[in-house]
Amino acid sequence: MNLRIIVDENIENGAEAFGSIGEATFYHGREITKEKVKEADALIIRSITKVNSELLAGSKVKFVGTATIGTDHVDIPRLQQAGIGFASAKGCNSDAVAEYVFTVLFEFAATQKRDIGGKRIGIVGCGNIGSRVERIARAFGFEVAVNDPPLERAGLRSDLCSLDYAINSDIVTFHTPLNRGGVDNTFHLLNRGNIDVLKEGAILINASRGEVVESGALLKAVEIKAVTPILDVWEGEPQFSTEVMEKTFFASPHVAGYSLEGKLNGTSMVYDAMCDFFGLEKKWHPDLPAVLENRIEYNPSGSFEEKVANVLRAVYNPGTDTADMKRISALNPEEKGKGFDLLRKNYKLRREFNNFVIAGEIDDPLIQAGFKALRFGFKG
């Protein structure tokens, strides 16, 4: 079987994986068009490619795989109706995103001398990522408020809270899919109608989808509630509001999940699903290189926030991404969008925390527990 496969050029190890089972052709995700997929048997994409009736009309596509956790860019009912196989990479980069959340949170608190110990974290959405954020938050001693209507309806948890209670927390972090309409609508989940509920001086983190938070409402929340936004995702990507950017403490170009592990997990999950769909032998397997310089010295001096931030910063410094975003934010819209995509394309993938060892005696049991929940190793 000589499969013709269209692959997003930014799929990690895409050539090695999909080249092993067919004739793979690579394009930028925004350049995958109806004409290019017409003769393809399979389509392997990321979130920037919209898969719908217009793209697939008259094509021979039998399988679509997205190496992402989100699926809002794919018209799944259309695929089902046409008998086209589909796979996503749900959960592939959950650890990376959770690590991002705590890195930016503690870095902000440390640099701004903000006491966050024991404060309440409102987690909106408790799936693969949100559940990890909850577990780590509890380990660090935070109070936790979780909002997840689908979980509540399913009767899977009895300790969930309302959206208003969750967003009335000291720290609010969003981990929902983007649903436009329906009982579980998340489009503009935070909007002008509920920003009054936000706590004065709250820290607001969005690493889900940009459209979950209404940009105008966020700017108003900064004005009237002194909210501090920390954003990895933006309305209208690859475009983004320069005004929102200027009010954001840490900014990044939708890369919270950009770890080497997460990327290879995504490729592997979609590759395996495609092989299963077509009945092919799995010839490719991901190869993770060891992290050779993996020792991080623990510094027992400073505040709770500084002690944690010093370790996390050794793996990921969010100030670097913020500087890159500021650099492109002043460009004209077309160039800004291109700059956003280039930052993502050329991003140096992080390695996840389980590759690193913390050396030294940790004097705070909550810090020890938090680092353990973040999967660090220890060396006394």
Protein backbone atom coordinates (compact mmCIF):
# COMPACT_ATOMS: atom_id res chain seq x y z
CA MET A 1 0.00 0.00 0.00
CA ASN A 2 1.61 3.26 -1.18
CA LEU A 3 -0.14 5.91 0.86
CA ARG A 4 0.04 9.56 -0.09
CA ILE A 5 0.25 11.58 3.10
CA ILE A 6 0.09 15.37 3.53
CA VAL A 7 1.94 16.36 6.72
CA ASP A 8 2.32 19.68 8.52
CA GLU A 9 6.02 20.51 8.25
CA ASN A 10 6.19 21.35 11.96
CA ILE A 11 5.13 17.89 13.15
CA GLU A 12 8.04 16.68 15.27
CA ASN A 13 9.85 13.76 13.54
CA GLY A 14 7.15 13.87 10.88
CA ALA A 15 9.49 12.82 8.08
CA GLU A 16 10.86 9.85 10.02
CA ALA A 17 7.44 8.71 11.21
CA PHE A 18 5.15 9.18 8.22
CA GLY A 19 7.89 8.68 5.64
CA SER A 20 8.18 5.13 6.96
CA ILE A 21 4.65 4.22 5.89
CA GLY A 22 4.05 6.19 2.72
CA GLU A 23 4.91 9.04 0.40
CA ALA A 24 4.90 12.05 2.73
CA THR A 25 4.68 15.62 1.42
CA PHE A 26 5.20 18.53 3.81
CA TYR A 27 3.60 21.98 3.92
CA HIS A 28 3.21 24.81 6.38
CA GLY A 29 -0.06 24.21 8.19
CA ARG A 30 -1.66 27.40 6.88
CA GLU A 31 -0.75 26.39 3.31
CA ILE A 32 -2.57 23.05 3.32
CA THR A 33 -5.31 23.72 0.78
CA LYS A 34 -8.06 21.86 -1.04
CA GLU A 35 -5.84 21.48 -4.11
CA LYS A 36 -2.98 20.00 -2.11
CA VAL A 37 -5.06 17.38 -0.28
CA LYS A 38 -7.13 16.30 -3.31
CA GLU A 39 -5.06 13.19 -4.10
CA ALA A 40 -3.98 12.44 -0.52
CA ASP A 41 -4.98 9.33 1.41
CA ALA A 42 -4.18 10.84 4.79
CA LEU A 43 -3.81 14.27 6.34
CA ILE A 44 -1.61 14.92 9.41
CA ILE A 45 -2.08 18.39 10.86
CA ARG A 46 -1.81 20.72 13.84
CA SER A 47 -4.32 23.22 15.21
CA ILE A 48 -3.64 25.91 12.58
CA THR A 49 -5.19 23.84 9.76
CA LYS A 50 -8.98 23.95 9.54
CA VAL A 51 -10.37 20.61 8.38
CA ASN A 52 -13.90 21.01 7.06
CA SER A 53 -16.12 20.30 4.05
CA GLU A 54 -14.41 23.00 2.02
CA LEU A 55 -10.94 21.49 2.49
CA LEU A 56 -12.03 17.90 1.91
CA ALA A 57 -14.48 18.40 -0.97
CA GLY A 58 -13.60 16.02 -3.81
CA SER A 59 -10.59 14.59 -2.00
CA LYS A 60 -9.58 10.95 -1.50
CA VAL A 61 -8.69 11.49 2.16
CA LYS A 62 -9.50 8.43 4.28
CA PHE A 63 -7.78 9.44 7.55
CA VAL A 64 -7.14 12.70 9.40
CA GLY A 65 -4.83 12.93 12.39
CA THR A 66 -4.10 16.01 14.48
CA ALA A 67 -0.99 15.97 16.66
CA THR A 68 -2.74 18.23 19.17
CA ILE A 69 -4.92 17.82 22.23
CA GLY A 70 -7.56 20.24 20.95
CA THR A 71 -9.91 19.32 18.11
CA ASP A 72 -11.91 22.53 17.58
CA HIS A 73 -10.18 23.01 14.20
CA VAL A 74 -11.61 19.74 12.87
CA ASP A 75 -15.22 19.19 11.76
CA ILE A 76 -15.48 15.76 13.35
CA PRO A 77 -19.15 15.17 12.40
CA ARG A 78 -18.19 15.81 8.76
CA LEU A 79 -15.45 13.16 9.01
CA GLN A 80 -17.81 10.69 10.64
CA GLN A 81 -20.46 11.30 8.00
CA ALA A 82 -17.93 10.62 5.25
CA GLY A 83 -16.47 7.55 6.97
CA ILE A 84 -13.08 9.21 7.35
CA GLY A 85 -10.94 7.93 10.20
CA PHE A 86 -9.84 10.45 12.82
CA ALA A 87 -7.36 10.59 15.68
CA SER A 88 -6.10 13.32 17.99
CA ALA A 89 -3.27 13.36 20.50
CA LYS A 90 -5.36 13.94 23.60
CA GLY A 91 -3.15 14.37 26.65
CA CYS A 92 0.12 14.31 24.68
CA ASN A 93 1.55 17.47 26.24
CA SER A 94 -0.42 17.67 29.48
CA ASP A 95 2.68 17.53 31.68
CA ALA A 96 4.37 20.29 29.68
CA VAL A 97 1.40 22.64 30.04
CA ALA A 98 1.09 21.98 33.77
CA GLU A 99 4.81 22.69 34.14
CA TYR A 100 4.35 25.95 32.23
CA VAL A 101 1.54 27.04 34.55
CA PHE A 102 3.58 26.66 37.72
CA THR A 103 6.72 28.12 36.17
CA VAL A 104 5.01 31.37 35.13
CA LEU A 105 3.06 31.53 38.39
CA PHE A 106 6.08 31.20 40.67
CA GLU A 107 8.26 33.40 38.44
CA PHE A 108 5.66 36.17 38.63
CA ALA A 109 5.28 35.78 42.39
CA ALA A 110 9.04 35.74 42.99
CA THR A 111 9.86 38.75 40.82
CA GLN A 112 6.91 40.80 42.12
CA LYS A 113 7.36 39.78 45.77
CA ARG A 114 3.81 38.38 45.81
CA ASP A 115 2.95 35.97 48.62
CA ILE A 116 0.96 33.16 47.00
CA GLY A 117 1.49 30.43 49.60
CA GLY A 118 -1.82 28.78 50.50
CA LYS A 119 -3.82 31.03 48.17
CA ARG A 120 -6.77 29.70 46.21
CA ILE A 121 -6.29 28.52 42.63
CA GLY A 122 -9.43 28.39 40.51
CA ILE A 123 -9.05 25.71 37.84
CA VAL A 124 -11.54 26.01 35.00
CA GLY A 125 -11.57 22.67 33.19
CA CYS A 126 -10.25 19.53 34.84
CA GLY A 127 -9.31 17.15 32.05
CA ASN A 128 -5.83 15.84 31.31
CA ILE A 129 -4.17 19.18 32.00
CA GLY A 130 -6.45 20.63 34.65
CA SER A 131 -6.27 17.47 36.75
CA ARG A 132 -2.48 17.66 36.72
CA VAL A 133 -2.59 21.32 37.72
CA GLU A 134 -4.93 20.41 40.57
CA ARG A 135 -2.68 17.62 41.85
CA ILE A 136 0.42 19.81 41.78
CA ALA A 137 -1.39 22.76 43.36
CA ARG A 138 -2.55 20.62 46.28
CA ALA A 139 0.99 19.30 46.75
CA PHE A 140 2.30 22.87 47.04
CA GLY A 141 -0.36 23.61 49.66
CA PHE A 142 -2.70 25.77 47.60
CA GLU A 143 -6.43 25.79 48.21
CA VAL A 144 -8.11 24.51 45.06
CA ALA A 145 -11.47 25.31 43.45
CA VAL A 146 -12.34 23.24 40.37
CA ASN A 147 -15.07 24.01 37.84
CA ASP A 148 -15.93 21.39 35.22
CA PRO A 149 -19.63 21.08 34.22
CA PRO A 150 -19.22 17.87 32.14
CA LEU A 151 -17.54 16.12 35.09
CA GLU A 152 -20.27 17.37 37.39
CA ARG A 153 -23.07 16.15 35.11
CA ALA A 154 -21.42 12.76 34.85
CA GLY A 155 -21.46 12.50 38.63
CA LEU A 156 -17.74 11.75 38.69
CA ARG A 157 -16.95 14.28 41.41
CA SER A 158 -18.94 15.84 44.23
CA ASP A 159 -16.46 18.60 45.14
CA LEU A 160 -16.74 20.79 42.05
CA CYS A 161 -17.74 24.45 42.18
CA SER A 162 -19.49 27.04 40.04
CA LEU A 163 -17.64 29.08 37.44
CA ASP A 164 -18.17 32.22 39.50
CA TYR A 165 -16.57 30.65 42.57
CA ALA A 166 -13.60 29.38 40.55
CA ILE A 167 -12.88 32.73 38.90
CA ASN A 168 -13.24 34.51 42.26
CA SER A 169 -9.90 32.97 43.27
CA ASP A 170 -6.50 34.56 43.88
CA ILE A 171 -5.17 32.68 40.85
CA VAL A 172 -7.35 31.60 37.91
CA THR A 173 -6.15 29.20 35.22
CA PHE A 174 -8.13 28.01 32.19
CA HIS A 175 -7.82 24.47 30.81
CA THR A 176 -10.94 23.98 28.71
CA PRO A 177 -11.38 23.01 25.07
CA LEU A 178 -12.87 25.66 22.79
CA ASN A 179 -16.56 24.92 22.29
CA ARG A 180 -18.54 27.45 20.28
CA GLY A 181 -22.08 27.07 21.57
CA GLY A 182 -23.99 24.21 23.16
CA VAL A 183 -24.41 23.27 26.79
CA ASP A 184 -20.65 23.37 27.35
CA ASN A 185 -19.91 26.58 25.47
CA THR A 186 -16.47 27.93 26.37
CA PHE A 187 -16.25 30.71 23.78
CA HIS A 188 -15.71 33.92 25.78
CA LEU A 189 -16.19 32.00 29.00
CA LEU A 190 -14.64 35.00 30.70
CA ASN A 191 -16.49 38.02 29.37
CA ARG A 192 -17.84 41.46 30.21
CA GLY A 193 -20.75 39.84 32.01
CA ASN A 194 -18.66 38.10 34.67
CA ILE A 195 -15.40 40.04 35.08
CA ASP A 196 -16.88 41.75 38.14
CA VAL A 197 -16.61 38.37 39.87
CA LEU A 198 -12.81 38.37 39.53
CA LYS A 199 -10.90 39.07 42.72
CA GLU A 200 -9.00 42.34 43.01
CA GLY A 201 -5.37 41.75 42.01
CA ALA A 202 -5.98 38.21 40.74
CA ILE A 203 -3.45 36.40 38.56
CA LEU A 204 -5.12 35.08 35.39
CA ILE A 205 -3.42 32.39 33.31
CA ASN A 206 -4.74 31.18 29.96
CA ALA A 207 -2.98 28.28 28.27
CA SER A 208 -6.10 26.73 26.70
CA ARG A 209 -7.49 28.60 23.68
CA GLY A 210 -7.37 32.35 23.11
CA GLU A 211 -11.09 32.69 22.46
CA VAL A 212 -11.96 31.30 25.90
CA VAL A 213 -11.16 34.78 27.28
CA GLU A 214 -12.73 37.83 25.64
CA SER A 215 -9.91 40.30 24.96
CA GLY A 216 -11.97 43.42 25.62
CA ALA A 217 -13.22 42.00 28.90
CA LEU A 218 -9.69 41.11 29.94
CA LEU A 219 -8.51 44.68 29.32
CA LYS A 220 -11.42 45.93 31.41
CA ALA A 221 -10.51 43.50 34.19
CA VAL A 222 -6.96 44.86 34.18
CA GLU A 223 -8.38 48.37 34.48
CA ILE A 224 -11.01 47.87 37.17
CA LYS A 225 -9.67 44.85 39.08
CA ALA A 226 -5.89 45.21 38.65
CA VAL A 227 -5.83 41.67 37.25
CA THR A 228 -2.46 40.37 36.02
CA PRO A 229 -2.81 38.37 32.77
CA ILE A 230 -0.31 35.67 31.84
CA LEU A 231 -1.14 34.46 28.35
CA ASP A 232 0.10 31.69 26.11
CA VAL A 233 -2.91 31.83 23.78
CA TRP A 234 -4.56 34.74 21.98
CA GLU A 235 -7.79 35.62 20.25
CA GLY A 236 -7.36 35.52 16.49
CA GLU A 237 -4.02 33.70 16.32
CA PRO A 238 -1.65 34.17 14.63
CA GLN A 239 -2.77 37.77 15.06
CA PHE A 240 -3.00 39.08 18.59
CA SER A 241 -3.95 42.33 20.27
CA THR A 242 -0.94 44.56 20.91
CA GLU A 243 -2.98 46.28 23.62
CA VAL A 244 -3.59 42.98 25.40
CA MET A 245 0.06 42.07 24.93
CA GLU A 246 1.14 45.31 26.63
CA LYS A 247 -0.99 44.47 29.69
CA THR A 248 0.28 40.88 29.91
CA PHE A 249 3.02 40.09 32.43
CA PHE A 250 4.30 36.94 30.72
CA ALA A 251 3.46 36.27 27.08
CA SER A 252 4.25 33.35 24.79
CA PRO A 253 3.21 32.27 21.27
CA HIS A 254 0.98 29.26 22.09
CA VAL A 255 3.92 27.11 23.20
CA ALA A 256 2.96 26.05 26.74
CA GLY A 257 2.88 22.46 25.53
CA TYR A 258 6.06 22.68 23.46
CA SER A 259 8.23 20.10 25.15
CA LEU A 260 10.16 17.51 23.15
CA GLU A 261 8.30 14.80 25.05
CA GLY A 262 4.92 16.36 24.30
CA LYS A 263 5.69 16.83 20.62
CA LEU A 264 6.95 13.27 20.17
CA ASN A 265 3.96 11.94 22.13
CA GLY A 266 1.68 13.76 19.70
CA THR A 267 3.44 12.36 16.65
CA SER A 268 3.51 8.86 18.11
CA MET A 269 -0.17 8.82 19.06
CA VAL A 270 -1.32 9.92 15.61
CA TYR A 271 1.19 7.64 13.85
CA ASP A 272 0.02 4.61 15.84
CA ALA A 273 -3.63 5.44 15.16
CA MET A 274 -2.96 5.80 11.44
CA CYS A 275 -1.09 2.49 11.30
CA ASP A 276 -3.98 0.80 13.09
CA PHE A 277 -6.52 2.38 10.74
CA PHE A 278 -4.73 1.20 7.58
CA GLY A 279 -3.48 -2.09 9.08
CA LEU A 280 0.18 -1.14 8.72
CA GLU A 281 3.25 -2.33 10.58
CA LYS A 282 4.57 0.29 13.02
CA LYS A 283 8.12 0.84 11.80
CA TRP A 284 8.90 4.10 13.61
CA HIS A 285 9.33 4.59 17.34
CA PRO A 286 10.20 7.89 19.06
CA ASP A 287 13.73 8.30 20.36
CA LEU A 288 14.22 10.66 23.30
CA PRO A 289 17.82 11.77 23.87
CA ALA A 290 19.04 11.90 27.46
CA VAL A 291 19.43 15.28 29.17
CA LEU A 292 23.11 15.33 30.10
CA GLU A 293 23.22 18.56 32.14
CA ASN A 294 20.29 17.77 34.37
CA ARG A 295 21.43 18.81 37.86
CA ILE A 296 19.76 21.84 39.46
CA GLU A 297 21.14 23.22 42.74
CA TYR A 298 18.51 24.06 45.34
CA ASN A 299 19.00 27.45 47.00
CA PRO A 300 17.51 27.43 50.52
CA SER A 301 17.61 31.22 50.87
CA GLY A 302 14.76 33.53 50.01
CA SER A 303 10.99 33.29 50.15
CA PHE A 304 8.81 30.26 49.40
CA GLU A 305 8.13 31.69 45.95
CA GLU A 306 11.81 32.44 45.24
CA LYS A 307 12.97 28.97 46.29
CA VAL A 308 10.55 27.34 43.86
CA ALA A 309 11.06 29.84 41.03
CA ASN A 310 14.85 29.46 41.14
CA VAL A 311 14.52 25.76 40.33
CA LEU A 312 11.81 26.05 37.68
CA ARG A 313 13.60 28.91 35.93
CA ALA A 314 16.62 26.65 35.42
CA VAL A 315 14.48 24.65 32.99
CA TYR A 316 12.27 27.36 31.50
CA ASN A 317 12.63 31.15 31.74
CA PRO A 318 9.33 32.73 30.62
CA GLY A 319 11.02 36.10 30.23
CA THR A 320 12.64 34.91 27.01
CA ASP A 321 9.31 34.20 25.31
CA THR A 322 7.91 37.48 26.60
CA ALA A 323 10.79 39.43 25.06
CA ASP A 324 10.18 37.69 21.72
CA MET A 325 6.47 38.53 21.83
CA LYS A 326 7.19 42.18 22.65
CA ARG A 327 9.60 42.32 19.73
CA ILE A 328 6.94 41.30 17.19
CA SER A 329 3.95 43.05 18.80
CA ALA A 330 4.78 46.43 17.24
CA LEU A 331 4.87 45.05 13.69
CA ASN A 332 2.06 45.59 11.19
CA PRO A 333 -0.69 42.93 11.34
CA GLU A 334 0.61 40.81 8.46
CA GLU A 335 4.19 40.80 9.72
CA LYS A 336 3.04 40.24 13.29
CA GLY A 337 1.12 37.14 12.25
CA LYS A 338 4.12 35.83 10.33
CA GLY A 339 6.34 36.58 13.31
CA PHE A 340 4.02 34.66 15.63
CA ASP A 341 4.13 31.60 13.36
CA LEU A 342 7.92 31.84 13.05
CA LEU A 343 8.35 31.94 16.82
CA ARG A 344 6.38 28.71 17.03
CA LYS A 345 8.16 27.09 14.09
CA ASN A 346 11.64 27.89 15.41
CA TYR A 347 10.87 27.31 19.08
CA LYS A 348 13.53 25.46 21.04
CA LEU A 349 11.60 22.60 22.60
CA ARG A 350 11.86 22.34 26.37
CA ARG A 351 12.57 19.11 28.19
CA GLU A 352 10.10 18.07 30.88
CA PHE A 353 10.88 18.23 34.58
CA ASN A 354 11.20 14.47 35.05
CA ASN A 355 14.54 14.71 33.22
CA PHE A 356 16.06 16.88 35.95
CA VAL A 357 17.46 16.23 39.43
CA ILE A 358 17.38 18.74 42.29
CA ALA A 359 20.55 18.67 44.37
CA GLY A 360 20.66 19.85 47.98
CA GLU A 361 18.54 19.59 51.08
CA ILE A 362 15.04 20.99 50.66
CA ASP A 363 14.02 22.60 53.94
CA ASP A 364 10.28 23.02 53.29
CA PRO A 365 8.03 19.93 53.11
CA LEU A 366 5.53 21.74 50.87
CA ILE A 367 8.26 22.62 48.39
CA GLN A 368 9.50 19.03 48.51
CA ALA A 369 5.98 17.74 47.87
CA GLY A 370 5.43 20.22 45.05
CA PHE A 371 8.67 19.32 43.31
CA LYS A 372 7.78 15.64 43.65
CA ALA A 373 4.38 16.30 42.06
CA LEU A 374 6.20 18.09 39.24
CA ARG A 375 8.17 14.82 38.75
CA PHE A 376 11.64 16.14 39.59
CA GLY A 377 14.25 13.69 40.81
CA PHE A 378 16.24 14.35 43.98
CA LYS A 379 19.86 14.04 44.99
CA GLY A 380 20.77 14.91 48.58
